[in-house]
Amino acid sequence: MSIGKRSMASEESSAPPEIASSSLALHILADTNVVLDLLLGRQPWLAAAQPMWEMRDTGRLRLYLSASALTDIFYVACKLVGFAEAKHVVETCLLGFSIIAVDQHILAAALTLPGNDYEDNVQIACAQSAALDLIVTRNCSDFTHSPILAVEPAEIIRRLSQPLG
């Protein structure tokens, strides 16, 4: 595993995800592929994803996952690294990401979005419901219809490397 389990619990505020954009940190939904790159150390994509975790540690970046992504992450990780490591990956997600609930409202909202990939639309609906700034993915073309901009990991780092102000 490429990163250690570091909790965001001490960084959590009592504010619900709906008002995420109120702080100076960049709030982003991480797509499944980026999370797997980061937590499983998948090459050649790890180099682009790793700085996001470091920015998370500095408080400049807040990472979010949809609850439904966790089952996909577990499934893929289990196939690649086995049950015990997949469980560890999910534990790291629970500690290192804010989890956005997937409920009837989210699922219904996803049905109204354009695009033919319901799973991606659920991710978009989660990002909308939590008022997130961006979606980070390696597959930006899957999110061209998203009202929330989807960017690759390198773009997140570029934005965070710019001076504040």
N, C-alpha and C. Protein backbone atom coordinates (compact mmCIF):
# COMPACT_ATOMS: atom_id res chain seq x y z
N MET A 1 0.84 -1.17 0.00
CA MET A 1 0.00 0.00 0.00
C MET A 1 0.88 1.23 0.00
N SER A 2 0.51 2.22 -0.74
CA SER A 2 1.37 3.36 -0.96
C SER A 2 1.28 4.42 0.12
N ILE A 3 0.16 4.54 0.79
CA ILE A 3 0.01 5.57 1.82
C ILE A 3 -0.41 4.92 3.12
N GLY A 4 -0.08 5.57 4.21
CA GLY A 4 -0.47 5.04 5.50
C GLY A 4 -1.86 5.49 5.87
N LYS A 5 -2.43 4.81 6.85
CA LYS A 5 -3.75 5.21 7.35
C LYS A 5 -3.57 6.43 8.22
N ARG A 6 -4.03 7.56 7.73
CA ARG A 6 -3.98 8.80 8.50
C ARG A 6 -5.38 9.35 8.52
N SER A 7 -5.89 9.52 9.69
CA SER A 7 -7.28 9.93 9.83
C SER A 7 -7.48 11.40 9.56
N MET A 8 -8.62 11.72 8.99
CA MET A 8 -9.05 13.11 8.86
C MET A 8 -9.89 13.51 10.05
N ALA A 9 -10.09 12.61 10.99
CA ALA A 9 -10.99 12.87 12.11
C ALA A 9 -10.63 14.13 12.86
N SER A 10 -9.35 14.37 13.07
CA SER A 10 -8.95 15.57 13.79
C SER A 10 -9.19 16.83 12.99
N GLU A 11 -9.30 16.67 11.65
CA GLU A 11 -9.53 17.82 10.78
C GLU A 11 -11.00 18.05 10.54
N GLU A 12 -11.84 17.11 10.89
CA GLU A 12 -13.27 17.20 10.63
C GLU A 12 -13.87 18.36 11.41
N SER A 13 -14.74 19.06 10.76
CA SER A 13 -15.53 20.05 11.48
C SER A 13 -16.90 19.44 11.67
N SER A 14 -17.72 20.10 12.45
CA SER A 14 -19.06 19.58 12.64
C SER A 14 -19.97 19.99 11.50
N ALA A 15 -19.44 20.73 10.53
CA ALA A 15 -20.24 21.17 9.40
C ALA A 15 -20.55 20.00 8.48
N PRO A 16 -21.77 19.90 8.01
CA PRO A 16 -22.12 18.82 7.09
C PRO A 16 -21.49 19.05 5.73
N PRO A 17 -21.37 17.97 4.91
CA PRO A 17 -20.76 18.11 3.61
C PRO A 17 -21.44 19.14 2.71
N GLU A 18 -22.72 19.43 2.94
CA GLU A 18 -23.46 20.35 2.07
C GLU A 18 -22.82 21.73 2.04
N ILE A 19 -22.05 22.09 3.05
CA ILE A 19 -21.43 23.40 3.05
C ILE A 19 -19.91 23.29 2.93
N ALA A 20 -19.49 22.29 2.18
CA ALA A 20 -18.06 22.00 2.04
C ALA A 20 -17.27 23.19 1.52
N SER A 21 -17.81 23.93 0.59
CA SER A 21 -17.04 24.98 -0.08
C SER A 21 -16.76 26.19 0.80
N SER A 22 -17.16 26.16 2.05
CA SER A 22 -16.99 27.33 2.91
C SER A 22 -15.56 27.52 3.40
N SER A 23 -14.69 26.53 3.31
CA SER A 23 -13.33 26.69 3.80
C SER A 23 -12.38 27.00 2.65
N LEU A 24 -11.14 27.32 2.97
CA LEU A 24 -10.14 27.64 1.95
C LEU A 24 -9.59 26.42 1.23
N ALA A 25 -9.79 25.25 1.77
CA ALA A 25 -9.31 24.03 1.13
C ALA A 25 -10.09 23.76 -0.15
N LEU A 26 -9.45 23.09 -1.08
CA LEU A 26 -10.12 22.65 -2.30
C LEU A 26 -10.82 21.33 -1.96
N HIS A 27 -12.10 21.26 -2.25
CA HIS A 27 -12.92 20.08 -1.93
C HIS A 27 -13.20 19.31 -3.20
N ILE A 28 -12.70 18.06 -3.26
CA ILE A 28 -12.85 17.29 -4.48
C ILE A 28 -13.35 15.88 -4.23
N LEU A 29 -14.15 15.40 -5.17
CA LEU A 29 -14.58 14.01 -5.17
C LEU A 29 -13.54 13.23 -5.95
N ALA A 30 -13.02 12.18 -5.37
CA ALA A 30 -12.04 11.32 -6.04
C ALA A 30 -12.76 10.17 -6.71
N ASP A 31 -12.53 10.02 -7.99
CA ASP A 31 -13.10 8.91 -8.75
C ASP A 31 -12.36 7.62 -8.34
N THR A 32 -13.03 6.52 -8.52
CA THR A 32 -12.51 5.22 -8.09
C THR A 32 -11.12 4.94 -8.64
N ASN A 33 -10.87 5.25 -9.91
CA ASN A 33 -9.58 4.92 -10.51
C ASN A 33 -8.43 5.65 -9.81
N VAL A 34 -8.65 6.90 -9.43
CA VAL A 34 -7.60 7.67 -8.76
C VAL A 34 -7.33 7.12 -7.35
N VAL A 35 -8.38 6.74 -6.66
CA VAL A 35 -8.23 6.17 -5.31
C VAL A 35 -7.44 4.86 -5.39
N LEU A 36 -7.78 4.03 -6.35
CA LEU A 36 -7.05 2.76 -6.51
C LEU A 36 -5.58 3.00 -6.87
N ASP A 37 -5.32 3.99 -7.72
CA ASP A 37 -3.93 4.33 -8.06
C ASP A 37 -3.17 4.72 -6.80
N LEU A 38 -3.79 5.54 -5.99
CA LEU A 38 -3.16 6.07 -4.79
C LEU A 38 -2.95 4.98 -3.73
N LEU A 39 -3.99 4.24 -3.43
CA LEU A 39 -3.92 3.29 -2.32
C LEU A 39 -3.23 1.97 -2.67
N LEU A 40 -3.23 1.62 -3.95
CA LEU A 40 -2.56 0.38 -4.35
C LEU A 40 -1.21 0.64 -5.00
N GLY A 41 -0.84 1.91 -5.09
CA GLY A 41 0.45 2.25 -5.68
C GLY A 41 0.54 1.86 -7.14
N ARG A 42 -0.57 2.00 -7.87
CA ARG A 42 -0.59 1.57 -9.27
C ARG A 42 0.23 2.52 -10.14
N GLN A 43 1.12 1.90 -10.91
CA GLN A 43 1.99 2.64 -11.82
C GLN A 43 1.39 2.60 -13.21
N PRO A 44 1.57 3.59 -14.01
CA PRO A 44 2.40 4.77 -13.80
C PRO A 44 1.66 5.94 -13.16
N TRP A 45 0.45 5.72 -12.65
CA TRP A 45 -0.43 6.80 -12.21
C TRP A 45 -0.18 7.27 -10.79
N LEU A 46 0.54 6.50 -10.00
CA LEU A 46 0.78 6.87 -8.60
C LEU A 46 1.47 8.23 -8.49
N ALA A 47 2.44 8.50 -9.35
CA ALA A 47 3.19 9.75 -9.27
C ALA A 47 2.27 10.97 -9.37
N ALA A 48 1.21 10.87 -10.16
CA ALA A 48 0.27 11.98 -10.29
C ALA A 48 -0.68 12.07 -9.10
N ALA A 49 -1.02 10.94 -8.52
CA ALA A 49 -2.00 10.91 -7.42
C ALA A 49 -1.38 11.18 -6.05
N GLN A 50 -0.15 10.76 -5.83
CA GLN A 50 0.49 10.87 -4.51
C GLN A 50 0.51 12.30 -3.95
N PRO A 51 0.82 13.31 -4.75
CA PRO A 51 0.85 14.67 -4.18
C PRO A 51 -0.51 15.13 -3.63
N MET A 52 -1.59 14.56 -4.13
CA MET A 52 -2.91 14.93 -3.58
C MET A 52 -3.01 14.52 -2.12
N TRP A 53 -2.50 13.34 -1.79
CA TRP A 53 -2.55 12.87 -0.40
C TRP A 53 -1.69 13.78 0.48
N GLU A 54 -0.55 14.19 -0.05
CA GLU A 54 0.32 15.10 0.71
C GLU A 54 -0.36 16.46 0.91
N MET A 55 -1.05 16.96 -0.11
CA MET A 55 -1.80 18.22 0.02
C MET A 55 -2.96 18.06 1.00
N ARG A 56 -3.54 16.87 1.04
CA ARG A 56 -4.59 16.58 2.01
C ARG A 56 -4.04 16.72 3.42
N ASP A 57 -2.82 16.22 3.61
CA ASP A 57 -2.19 16.29 4.93
C ASP A 57 -1.91 17.72 5.37
N THR A 58 -1.70 18.62 4.41
CA THR A 58 -1.43 20.02 4.75
C THR A 58 -2.71 20.82 4.98
N GLY A 59 -3.86 20.23 4.66
CA GLY A 59 -5.14 20.92 4.83
C GLY A 59 -5.56 21.75 3.63
N ARG A 60 -4.78 21.72 2.55
CA ARG A 60 -5.13 22.49 1.35
C ARG A 60 -6.11 21.75 0.46
N LEU A 61 -6.31 20.46 0.74
CA LEU A 61 -7.17 19.63 -0.09
C LEU A 61 -8.03 18.76 0.81
N ARG A 62 -9.29 18.67 0.52
CA ARG A 62 -10.21 17.78 1.25
C ARG A 62 -10.74 16.77 0.25
N LEU A 63 -10.52 15.50 0.49
CA LEU A 63 -10.91 14.43 -0.41
C LEU A 63 -12.22 13.79 0.02
N TYR A 64 -13.07 13.52 -0.95
CA TYR A 64 -14.38 12.91 -0.71
C TYR A 64 -14.53 11.68 -1.60
N LEU A 65 -15.31 10.73 -1.11
CA LEU A 65 -15.70 9.54 -1.87
C LEU A 65 -17.19 9.35 -1.71
N SER A 66 -17.82 8.84 -2.74
CA SER A 66 -19.21 8.42 -2.56
C SER A 66 -19.19 7.07 -1.83
N ALA A 67 -20.21 6.84 -1.04
CA ALA A 67 -20.29 5.57 -0.32
C ALA A 67 -20.31 4.40 -1.29
N SER A 68 -20.95 4.58 -2.44
CA SER A 68 -21.03 3.48 -3.41
C SER A 68 -19.66 3.15 -4.02
N ALA A 69 -18.75 4.10 -4.05
CA ALA A 69 -17.41 3.82 -4.59
C ALA A 69 -16.64 2.84 -3.72
N LEU A 70 -16.93 2.83 -2.42
CA LEU A 70 -16.20 1.94 -1.53
C LEU A 70 -16.36 0.47 -1.89
N THR A 71 -17.56 0.08 -2.32
CA THR A 71 -17.75 -1.32 -2.69
C THR A 71 -16.97 -1.65 -3.96
N ASP A 72 -16.93 -0.70 -4.90
CA ASP A 72 -16.14 -0.90 -6.12
C ASP A 72 -14.65 -0.99 -5.80
N ILE A 73 -14.19 -0.10 -4.92
CA ILE A 73 -12.79 -0.10 -4.51
C ILE A 73 -12.43 -1.42 -3.85
N PHE A 74 -13.29 -1.90 -2.96
CA PHE A 74 -13.03 -3.18 -2.30
C PHE A 74 -12.98 -4.32 -3.33
N TYR A 75 -13.93 -4.34 -4.24
CA TYR A 75 -14.00 -5.41 -5.24
C TYR A 75 -12.72 -5.46 -6.09
N VAL A 76 -12.33 -4.31 -6.62
CA VAL A 76 -11.13 -4.27 -7.48
C VAL A 76 -9.88 -4.59 -6.66
N ALA A 77 -9.77 -4.01 -5.47
CA ALA A 77 -8.60 -4.28 -4.63
C ALA A 77 -8.51 -5.75 -4.26
N CYS A 78 -9.63 -6.35 -3.96
CA CYS A 78 -9.65 -7.77 -3.60
C CYS A 78 -9.11 -8.62 -4.75
N LYS A 79 -9.51 -8.29 -5.97
CA LYS A 79 -9.03 -9.02 -7.14
C LYS A 79 -7.53 -8.83 -7.35
N LEU A 80 -7.04 -7.63 -7.04
CA LEU A 80 -5.63 -7.32 -7.31
C LEU A 80 -4.68 -7.70 -6.19
N VAL A 81 -5.12 -7.54 -4.93
CA VAL A 81 -4.19 -7.73 -3.81
C VAL A 81 -4.71 -8.66 -2.71
N GLY A 82 -5.90 -9.21 -2.88
CA GLY A 82 -6.44 -10.14 -1.90
C GLY A 82 -7.32 -9.47 -0.85
N PHE A 83 -8.06 -10.31 -0.13
CA PHE A 83 -9.07 -9.85 0.81
C PHE A 83 -8.49 -8.98 1.93
N ALA A 84 -7.44 -9.43 2.58
CA ALA A 84 -6.90 -8.70 3.73
C ALA A 84 -6.44 -7.30 3.34
N GLU A 85 -5.72 -7.19 2.22
CA GLU A 85 -5.24 -5.88 1.79
C GLU A 85 -6.40 -5.01 1.31
N ALA A 86 -7.40 -5.63 0.67
CA ALA A 86 -8.58 -4.87 0.23
C ALA A 86 -9.32 -4.28 1.43
N LYS A 87 -9.41 -5.04 2.49
CA LYS A 87 -10.04 -4.55 3.71
C LYS A 87 -9.24 -3.36 4.26
N HIS A 88 -7.93 -3.47 4.23
CA HIS A 88 -7.05 -2.39 4.68
C HIS A 88 -7.26 -1.13 3.83
N VAL A 89 -7.42 -1.30 2.52
CA VAL A 89 -7.67 -0.18 1.62
C VAL A 89 -8.96 0.54 2.01
N VAL A 90 -10.01 -0.23 2.28
CA VAL A 90 -11.29 0.38 2.67
C VAL A 90 -11.15 1.10 4.01
N GLU A 91 -10.43 0.52 4.93
CA GLU A 91 -10.19 1.19 6.22
C GLU A 91 -9.47 2.52 6.01
N THR A 92 -8.51 2.54 5.11
CA THR A 92 -7.79 3.78 4.81
C THR A 92 -8.73 4.81 4.20
N CYS A 93 -9.62 4.36 3.34
CA CYS A 93 -10.62 5.27 2.77
C CYS A 93 -11.50 5.87 3.86
N LEU A 94 -11.93 5.05 4.78
CA LEU A 94 -12.81 5.54 5.85
C LEU A 94 -12.11 6.55 6.75
N LEU A 95 -10.80 6.40 6.90
CA LEU A 95 -10.03 7.35 7.71
C LEU A 95 -9.59 8.58 6.93
N GLY A 96 -9.31 8.44 5.66
CA GLY A 96 -8.67 9.50 4.90
C GLY A 96 -9.56 10.32 4.00
N PHE A 97 -10.80 9.88 3.81
CA PHE A 97 -11.74 10.58 2.93
C PHE A 97 -13.02 10.86 3.70
N SER A 98 -13.67 11.95 3.35
CA SER A 98 -15.03 12.18 3.84
C SER A 98 -15.95 11.38 2.91
N ILE A 99 -16.88 10.66 3.50
CA ILE A 99 -17.76 9.79 2.72
C ILE A 99 -19.11 10.48 2.52
N ILE A 100 -19.55 10.53 1.27
CA ILE A 100 -20.84 11.12 0.92
C ILE A 100 -21.85 9.99 0.79
N ALA A 101 -22.92 10.08 1.56
CA ALA A 101 -23.96 9.05 1.54
C ALA A 101 -24.63 8.99 0.17
N VAL A 102 -24.97 7.79 -0.23
CA VAL A 102 -25.73 7.58 -1.46
C VAL A 102 -27.11 7.11 -1.02
N ASP A 103 -28.08 8.00 -1.18
CA ASP A 103 -29.44 7.69 -0.76
C ASP A 103 -30.40 7.80 -1.94
N GLN A 104 -31.67 7.70 -1.67
CA GLN A 104 -32.67 7.75 -2.73
C GLN A 104 -32.60 9.06 -3.51
N HIS A 105 -32.36 10.16 -2.82
CA HIS A 105 -32.27 11.46 -3.48
C HIS A 105 -31.11 11.49 -4.47
N ILE A 106 -29.95 11.00 -4.06
CA ILE A 106 -28.77 10.96 -4.94
C ILE A 106 -29.04 10.07 -6.14
N LEU A 107 -29.60 8.89 -5.89
CA LEU A 107 -29.85 7.95 -6.98
C LEU A 107 -30.85 8.51 -7.98
N ALA A 108 -31.88 9.20 -7.49
CA ALA A 108 -32.87 9.81 -8.38
C ALA A 108 -32.25 10.97 -9.16
N ALA A 109 -31.43 11.77 -8.49
CA ALA A 109 -30.77 12.88 -9.18
C ALA A 109 -29.86 12.37 -10.29
N ALA A 110 -29.18 11.26 -10.05
CA ALA A 110 -28.30 10.68 -11.06
C ALA A 110 -29.07 10.25 -12.30
N LEU A 111 -30.29 9.81 -12.11
CA LEU A 111 -31.12 9.41 -13.26
C LEU A 111 -31.48 10.59 -14.16
N THR A 112 -31.48 11.78 -13.62
CA THR A 112 -31.86 12.96 -14.40
C THR A 112 -30.68 13.57 -15.15
N LEU A 113 -29.47 13.15 -14.86
CA LEU A 113 -28.29 13.71 -15.50
C LEU A 113 -28.12 13.14 -16.91
N PRO A 114 -27.60 13.96 -17.82
CA PRO A 114 -27.30 13.41 -19.15
C PRO A 114 -26.14 12.42 -19.05
N GLY A 115 -25.90 11.73 -20.09
CA GLY A 115 -24.82 10.73 -20.07
C GLY A 115 -25.41 9.36 -19.86
N ASN A 116 -24.70 8.36 -20.33
CA ASN A 116 -25.26 7.01 -20.29
C ASN A 116 -24.57 6.09 -19.27
N ASP A 117 -23.74 6.65 -18.39
CA ASP A 117 -23.09 5.82 -17.37
C ASP A 117 -23.66 6.20 -16.01
N TYR A 118 -24.56 5.37 -15.53
CA TYR A 118 -25.25 5.67 -14.27
C TYR A 118 -24.27 5.77 -13.09
N GLU A 119 -23.26 4.92 -13.08
CA GLU A 119 -22.27 4.96 -11.99
C GLU A 119 -21.56 6.32 -11.95
N ASP A 120 -21.15 6.82 -13.11
CA ASP A 120 -20.54 8.15 -13.15
C ASP A 120 -21.53 9.22 -12.73
N ASN A 121 -22.79 9.08 -13.15
CA ASN A 121 -23.80 10.05 -12.76
C ASN A 121 -24.05 10.06 -11.25
N VAL A 122 -23.94 8.91 -10.61
CA VAL A 122 -24.05 8.87 -9.14
C VAL A 122 -22.90 9.65 -8.52
N GLN A 123 -21.70 9.51 -9.08
CA GLN A 123 -20.55 10.27 -8.57
C GLN A 123 -20.81 11.78 -8.72
N ILE A 124 -21.32 12.17 -9.88
CA ILE A 124 -21.61 13.58 -10.13
C ILE A 124 -22.67 14.08 -9.16
N ALA A 125 -23.74 13.31 -8.97
CA ALA A 125 -24.81 13.72 -8.05
C ALA A 125 -24.29 13.86 -6.62
N CYS A 126 -23.38 12.99 -6.23
CA CYS A 126 -22.76 13.11 -4.89
C CYS A 126 -21.96 14.40 -4.79
N ALA A 127 -21.16 14.68 -5.80
CA ALA A 127 -20.35 15.91 -5.80
C ALA A 127 -21.24 17.14 -5.75
N GLN A 128 -22.35 17.12 -6.48
CA GLN A 128 -23.29 18.24 -6.46
C GLN A 128 -23.92 18.39 -5.08
N SER A 129 -24.35 17.29 -4.49
CA SER A 129 -25.05 17.36 -3.20
C SER A 129 -24.15 17.89 -2.10
N ALA A 130 -22.85 17.65 -2.22
CA ALA A 130 -21.91 18.11 -1.21
C ALA A 130 -21.26 19.45 -1.60
N ALA A 131 -21.70 20.03 -2.71
CA ALA A 131 -21.19 21.32 -3.19
C ALA A 131 -19.66 21.31 -3.32
N LEU A 132 -19.15 20.25 -3.93
CA LEU A 132 -17.70 20.12 -4.09
C LEU A 132 -17.20 20.99 -5.24
N ASP A 133 -15.91 21.26 -5.20
CA ASP A 133 -15.29 22.14 -6.20
C ASP A 133 -15.00 21.44 -7.52
N LEU A 134 -14.50 20.20 -7.42
CA LEU A 134 -14.04 19.47 -8.60
C LEU A 134 -14.23 17.97 -8.40
N ILE A 135 -14.14 17.26 -9.51
CA ILE A 135 -14.04 15.80 -9.50
C ILE A 135 -12.66 15.48 -10.08
N VAL A 136 -11.91 14.61 -9.42
CA VAL A 136 -10.61 14.20 -9.95
C VAL A 136 -10.73 12.77 -10.47
N THR A 137 -10.28 12.59 -11.72
CA THR A 137 -10.39 11.31 -12.39
C THR A 137 -9.31 11.21 -13.45
N ARG A 138 -9.01 9.99 -13.88
CA ARG A 138 -8.15 9.81 -15.05
C ARG A 138 -8.98 9.76 -16.32
N ASN A 139 -10.30 9.72 -16.18
CA ASN A 139 -11.19 9.58 -17.32
C ASN A 139 -12.11 10.80 -17.44
N CYS A 140 -11.52 11.95 -17.69
CA CYS A 140 -12.31 13.19 -17.78
C CYS A 140 -13.40 13.10 -18.85
N SER A 141 -13.16 12.34 -19.90
CA SER A 141 -14.16 12.23 -20.96
C SER A 141 -15.45 11.58 -20.46
N ASP A 142 -15.38 10.82 -19.38
CA ASP A 142 -16.58 10.22 -18.80
C ASP A 142 -17.45 11.25 -18.08
N PHE A 143 -16.91 12.45 -17.85
CA PHE A 143 -17.61 13.46 -17.06
C PHE A 143 -17.83 14.76 -17.85
N THR A 144 -17.80 14.68 -19.16
CA THR A 144 -17.96 15.91 -19.95
C THR A 144 -19.31 16.57 -19.74
N HIS A 145 -20.30 15.83 -19.35
CA HIS A 145 -21.65 16.37 -19.12
C HIS A 145 -21.85 16.85 -17.68
N SER A 146 -20.84 16.74 -16.87
CA SER A 146 -20.97 17.09 -15.45
C SER A 146 -20.99 18.60 -15.24
N PRO A 147 -21.91 19.09 -14.41
CA PRO A 147 -21.88 20.51 -14.06
C PRO A 147 -20.71 20.87 -13.14
N ILE A 148 -20.09 19.85 -12.55
CA ILE A 148 -18.88 20.05 -11.74
C ILE A 148 -17.70 19.58 -12.59
N LEU A 149 -16.73 20.47 -12.77
CA LEU A 149 -15.60 20.19 -13.63
C LEU A 149 -14.83 18.96 -13.16
N ALA A 150 -14.50 18.08 -14.10
CA ALA A 150 -13.66 16.91 -13.82
C ALA A 150 -12.28 17.18 -14.39
N VAL A 151 -11.25 16.94 -13.58
CA VAL A 151 -9.87 17.18 -13.98
C VAL A 151 -9.01 15.98 -13.58
N GLU A 152 -7.85 15.91 -14.20
CA GLU A 152 -6.89 14.86 -13.85
C GLU A 152 -6.10 15.26 -12.61
N PRO A 153 -5.48 14.30 -11.93
CA PRO A 153 -4.73 14.61 -10.70
C PRO A 153 -3.70 15.72 -10.87
N ALA A 154 -3.00 15.76 -11.98
CA ALA A 154 -1.98 16.79 -12.18
C ALA A 154 -2.57 18.19 -12.14
N GLU A 155 -3.81 18.34 -12.60
CA GLU A 155 -4.46 19.66 -12.58
C GLU A 155 -4.78 20.08 -11.15
N ILE A 156 -5.12 19.14 -10.30
CA ILE A 156 -5.38 19.46 -8.89
C ILE A 156 -4.11 20.03 -8.27
N ILE A 157 -2.99 19.38 -8.51
CA ILE A 157 -1.72 19.83 -7.95
C ILE A 157 -1.34 21.19 -8.53
N ARG A 158 -1.56 21.39 -9.83
CA ARG A 158 -1.26 22.68 -10.44
C ARG A 158 -2.07 23.78 -9.76
N ARG A 159 -3.35 23.54 -9.54
CA ARG A 159 -4.20 24.56 -8.90
C ARG A 159 -3.76 24.83 -7.48
N LEU A 160 -3.35 23.81 -6.76
CA LEU A 160 -2.95 23.99 -5.38
C LEU A 160 -1.55 24.59 -5.25
N SER A 161 -0.78 24.52 -6.32
CA SER A 161 0.56 25.08 -6.29
C SER A 161 0.57 26.59 -6.56
N GLN A 162 -0.55 27.10 -7.03
CA GLN A 162 -0.65 28.53 -7.28
C GLN A 162 -0.76 29.27 -5.95
N PRO A 163 -0.24 30.48 -5.90
CA PRO A 163 -0.34 31.26 -4.65
C PRO A 163 -1.79 31.52 -4.30
N LEU A 164 -2.08 31.52 -2.99
CA LEU A 164 -3.42 31.84 -2.51
C LEU A 164 -3.71 33.30 -2.76
N GLY A 165 -4.98 33.58 -2.97
CA GLY A 165 -5.34 34.99 -3.07
C GLY A 165 -6.11 35.31 -4.22
